[in-house]
C-alpha atoms as a PDB file:
ATOM      1  CA  UNK A   1     -28.931-194.295 -86.109  1.00  0.00           C
ATOM      2  CA  UNK A   2     -29.548-194.227 -82.413  1.00  0.00           C
ATOM      3  CA  UNK A   3     -32.572-193.747 -80.235  1.00  0.00           C
ATOM      4  CA  UNK A   4     -32.495-190.718 -77.967  1.00  0.00           C
ATOM      5  CA  UNK A   5     -34.698-190.352 -74.914  1.00  0.00           C
ATOM      6  CA  UNK A   6     -37.137-187.496 -75.246  1.00  0.00           C
ATOM      7  CA  UNK A   7     -38.602-185.710 -72.206  1.00  0.00           C
ATOM      8  CA  UNK A   8     -42.062-187.113 -72.805  1.00  0.00           C
ATOM      9  CA  UNK A   9     -40.630-190.639 -72.640  1.00  0.00           C
ATOM     10  CA  UNK A  10     -40.839-191.325 -76.361  1.00  0.00           C
ATOM     11  CA  UNK A  11     -37.798-192.443 -78.291  1.00  0.00           C
ATOM     12  CA  UNK A  12     -36.623-190.664 -81.424  1.00  0.00           C
ATOM     13  CA  UNK A  13     -34.112-192.086 -83.869  1.00  0.00           C
ATOM     14  CA  UNK A  14     -31.097-189.816 -84.400  1.00  0.00           C
ATOM     15  CA  UNK A  15     -29.142-190.139 -87.610  1.00  0.00           C
ATOM     16  CA  UNK A  16     -25.367-189.539 -87.608  1.00  0.00           C
ATOM     17  CA  UNK A  17     -25.784-186.412 -89.743  1.00  0.00           C
ATOM     18  CA  UNK A  18     -28.212-184.995 -87.185  1.00  0.00           C
ATOM     19  CA  UNK A  19     -25.886-185.917 -84.333  1.00  0.00           C
ATOM     20  CA  UNK A  20     -22.912-184.015 -85.750  1.00  0.00           C
ATOM     21  CA  UNK A  21     -25.175-181.038 -86.462  1.00  0.00           C
ATOM     22  CA  UNK A  22     -26.439-181.147 -82.861  1.00  0.00           C
ATOM     23  CA  UNK A  23     -22.944-181.523 -81.406  1.00  0.00           C
ATOM     24  CA  UNK A  24     -21.720-178.613 -83.526  1.00  0.00           C
ATOM     25  CA  UNK A  25     -24.634-176.462 -82.390  1.00  0.00           C
ATOM     26  CA  UNK A  26     -24.029-177.380 -78.743  1.00  0.00           C
ATOM     27  CA  UNK A  27     -20.480-176.042 -79.145  1.00  0.00           C
ATOM     28  CA  UNK A  28     -21.788-172.919 -80.927  1.00  0.00           C
ATOM     29  CA  UNK A  29     -19.539-173.625 -83.896  1.00  0.00           C
ATOM     30  CA  UNK A  30     -20.161-172.858 -87.541  1.00  0.00           C
ATOM     31  CA  UNK A  31     -19.639-175.434 -90.268  1.00  0.00           C
ATOM     32  CA  UNK A  32     -16.680-173.382 -91.440  1.00  0.00           C
ATOM     33  CA  UNK A  33     -15.069-173.458 -87.975  1.00  0.00           C
ATOM     34  CA  UNK A  34     -15.470-177.222 -87.650  1.00  0.00           C
ATOM     35  CA  UNK A  35     -14.170-177.840 -91.165  1.00  0.00           C
ATOM     36  CA  UNK A  36     -11.114-175.665 -90.554  1.00  0.00           C
ATOM     37  CA  UNK A  37     -10.343-177.283 -87.189  1.00  0.00           C
ATOM     38  CA  UNK A  38     -10.453-180.801 -88.648  1.00  0.00           C
ATOM     39  CA  UNK A  39      -8.628-179.827 -91.860  1.00  0.00           C
ATOM     40  CA  UNK A  40     -11.322-180.540 -94.433  1.00  0.00           C
ATOM     41  CA  UNK A  41     -12.996-178.198 -96.918  1.00  0.00           C
ATOM     42  CA  UNK A  42     -16.182-176.582 -95.637  1.00  0.00           C
ATOM     43  CA  UNK A  43     -18.094-178.175 -98.526  1.00  0.00           C
ATOM     44  CA  UNK A  44     -16.953-181.627 -97.384  1.00  0.00           C
ATOM     45  CA  UNK A  45     -18.103-181.041 -93.819  1.00  0.00           C
ATOM     46  CA  UNK A  46     -21.407-179.620 -95.058  1.00  0.00           C
ATOM     47  CA  UNK A  47     -21.959-182.785 -97.095  1.00  0.00           C
ATOM     48  CA  UNK A  48     -21.456-184.881 -93.929  1.00  0.00           C
ATOM     49  CA  UNK A  49     -24.195-182.917 -92.181  1.00  0.00           C
ATOM     50  CA  UNK A  50     -26.427-183.587 -95.191  1.00  0.00           C
ATOM     51  CA  UNK A  51     -25.781-187.322 -94.922  1.00  0.00           C
ATOM     52  CA  UNK A  52     -22.822-188.099 -97.154  1.00  0.00           C
ATOM     53  CA  UNK A  53     -20.595-190.900 -95.867  1.00  0.00           C
ATOM     54  CA  UNK A  54     -17.297-190.073 -94.213  1.00  0.00           C
ATOM     55  CA  UNK A  55     -14.336-191.940 -95.660  1.00  0.00           C
ATOM     56  CA  UNK A  56     -11.618-193.216 -93.354  1.00  0.00           C
ATOM     57  CA  UNK A  57     -11.227-193.177 -89.572  1.00  0.00           C
ATOM     58  CA  UNK A  58      -9.277-189.931 -89.142  1.00  0.00           C
ATOM     59  CA  UNK A  59     -12.266-187.591 -89.644  1.00  0.00           C
ATOM     60  CA  UNK A  60     -14.163-189.422 -86.900  1.00  0.00           C
ATOM     61  CA  UNK A  61     -11.231-189.011 -84.508  1.00  0.00           C
ATOM     62  CA  UNK A  62     -10.956-185.304 -85.316  1.00  0.00           C
ATOM     63  CA  UNK A  63     -14.711-184.782 -84.940  1.00  0.00           C
ATOM     64  CA  UNK A  64     -14.755-186.511 -81.563  1.00  0.00           C
ATOM     65  CA  UNK A  65     -11.957-184.212 -80.380  1.00  0.00           C
ATOM     66  CA  UNK A  66     -13.550-180.977 -81.592  1.00  0.00           C
ATOM     67  CA  UNK A  67     -16.933-181.966 -80.135  1.00  0.00           C
ATOM     68  CA  UNK A  68     -15.269-183.280 -76.954  1.00  0.00           C
ATOM     69  CA  UNK A  69     -17.062-186.624 -77.074  1.00  0.00           C
ATOM     70  CA  UNK A  70     -15.787-190.174 -77.262  1.00  0.00           C
ATOM     71  CA  UNK A  71     -15.733-192.006 -80.584  1.00  0.00           C
ATOM     72  CA  UNK A  72     -18.403-194.266 -79.072  1.00  0.00           C
ATOM     73  CA  UNK A  73     -20.690-191.316 -78.362  1.00  0.00           C
ATOM     74  CA  UNK A  74     -19.984-189.766 -81.759  1.00  0.00           C
ATOM     75  CA  UNK A  75     -20.961-192.969 -83.547  1.00  0.00           C
ATOM     76  CA  UNK A  76     -23.801-194.195 -81.341  1.00  0.00           C
ATOM     77  CA  UNK A  77     -25.078-191.106 -79.589  1.00  0.00           C
ATOM     78  CA  UNK A  78     -24.792-192.902 -76.254  1.00  0.00           C
ATOM     79  CA  UNK A  79     -22.561-191.572 -73.515  1.00  0.00           C
ATOM     80  CA  UNK A  80     -20.474-193.888 -71.447  1.00  0.00           C
ATOM     81  CA  UNK A  81     -20.449-193.539 -67.671  1.00  0.00           C
ATOM     82  CA  UNK A  82     -16.938-192.093 -67.952  1.00  0.00           C
ATOM     83  CA  UNK A  83     -17.994-189.302 -70.285  1.00  0.00           C
ATOM     84  CA  UNK A  84     -20.935-188.456 -68.021  1.00  0.00           C
ATOM     85  CA  UNK A  85     -18.558-188.130 -65.065  1.00  0.00           C
ATOM     86  CA  UNK A  86     -16.167-185.953 -67.075  1.00  0.00           C
ATOM     87  CA  UNK A  87     -19.064-183.757 -68.199  1.00  0.00           C
ATOM     88  CA  UNK A  88     -20.192-183.348 -64.590  1.00  0.00           C
ATOM     89  CA  UNK A  89     -16.649-182.479 -63.456  1.00  0.00           C
ATOM     90  CA  UNK A  90     -16.384-179.859 -66.222  1.00  0.00           C
ATOM     91  CA  UNK A  91     -19.710-178.367 -65.160  1.00  0.00           C
ATOM     92  CA  UNK A  92     -18.592-178.212 -61.519  1.00  0.00           C
ATOM     93  CA  UNK A  93     -15.311-176.566 -62.578  1.00  0.00           C
ATOM     94  CA  UNK A  94     -17.162-173.894 -64.535  1.00  0.00           C
ATOM     95  CA  UNK A  95     -19.391-173.181 -61.538  1.00  0.00           C
ATOM     96  CA  UNK A  96     -16.366-172.977 -59.229  1.00  0.00           C
ATOM     97  CA  UNK A  97     -14.642-170.551 -61.598  1.00  0.00           C
ATOM     98  CA  UNK A  98     -17.804-168.413 -61.732  1.00  0.00           C
ATOM     99  CA  UNK A  99     -18.113-168.393 -57.933  1.00  0.00           C
ATOM    100  CA  UNK A 100     -14.418-167.564 -57.529  1.00  0.00           C
ATOM    101  CA  UNK A 101     -14.885-164.546 -59.779  1.00  0.00           C
ATOM    102  CA  UNK A 102     -17.873-163.403 -57.744  1.00  0.00           C
ATOM    103  CA  UNK A 103     -15.959-163.757 -54.461  1.00  0.00           C
ATOM    104  CA  UNK A 104     -12.929-161.916 -55.860  1.00  0.00           C
ATOM    105  CA  UNK A 105     -15.143-159.054 -57.012  1.00  0.00           C
ATOM    106  CA  UNK A 106     -16.277-158.541 -53.405  1.00  0.00           C
ATOM    107  CA  UNK A 107     -12.775-157.537 -52.309  1.00  0.00           C
END
């Protein structure tokens, strides 16, 4: 469980199962897509989102890769300064790519 800051300033506890559901939704992935990409049956992944414990370390590593978050963020819900910087760089890159496409369409 981790507390997440809400806009109104109140803190809400986020369970691991809710975190992986949120991360999956943020990536616009289905349960089936996540399960396939981390090499587990869809039923197994679904059980994780319903709160069943994950056995072993490998699934956590695979989940962090597919969701593009650190293991620390996956487990705690808290981003490190490094991951915030990387996220900002990725956002800037996407904006640059979009602007480049707009400029190229002018010619």
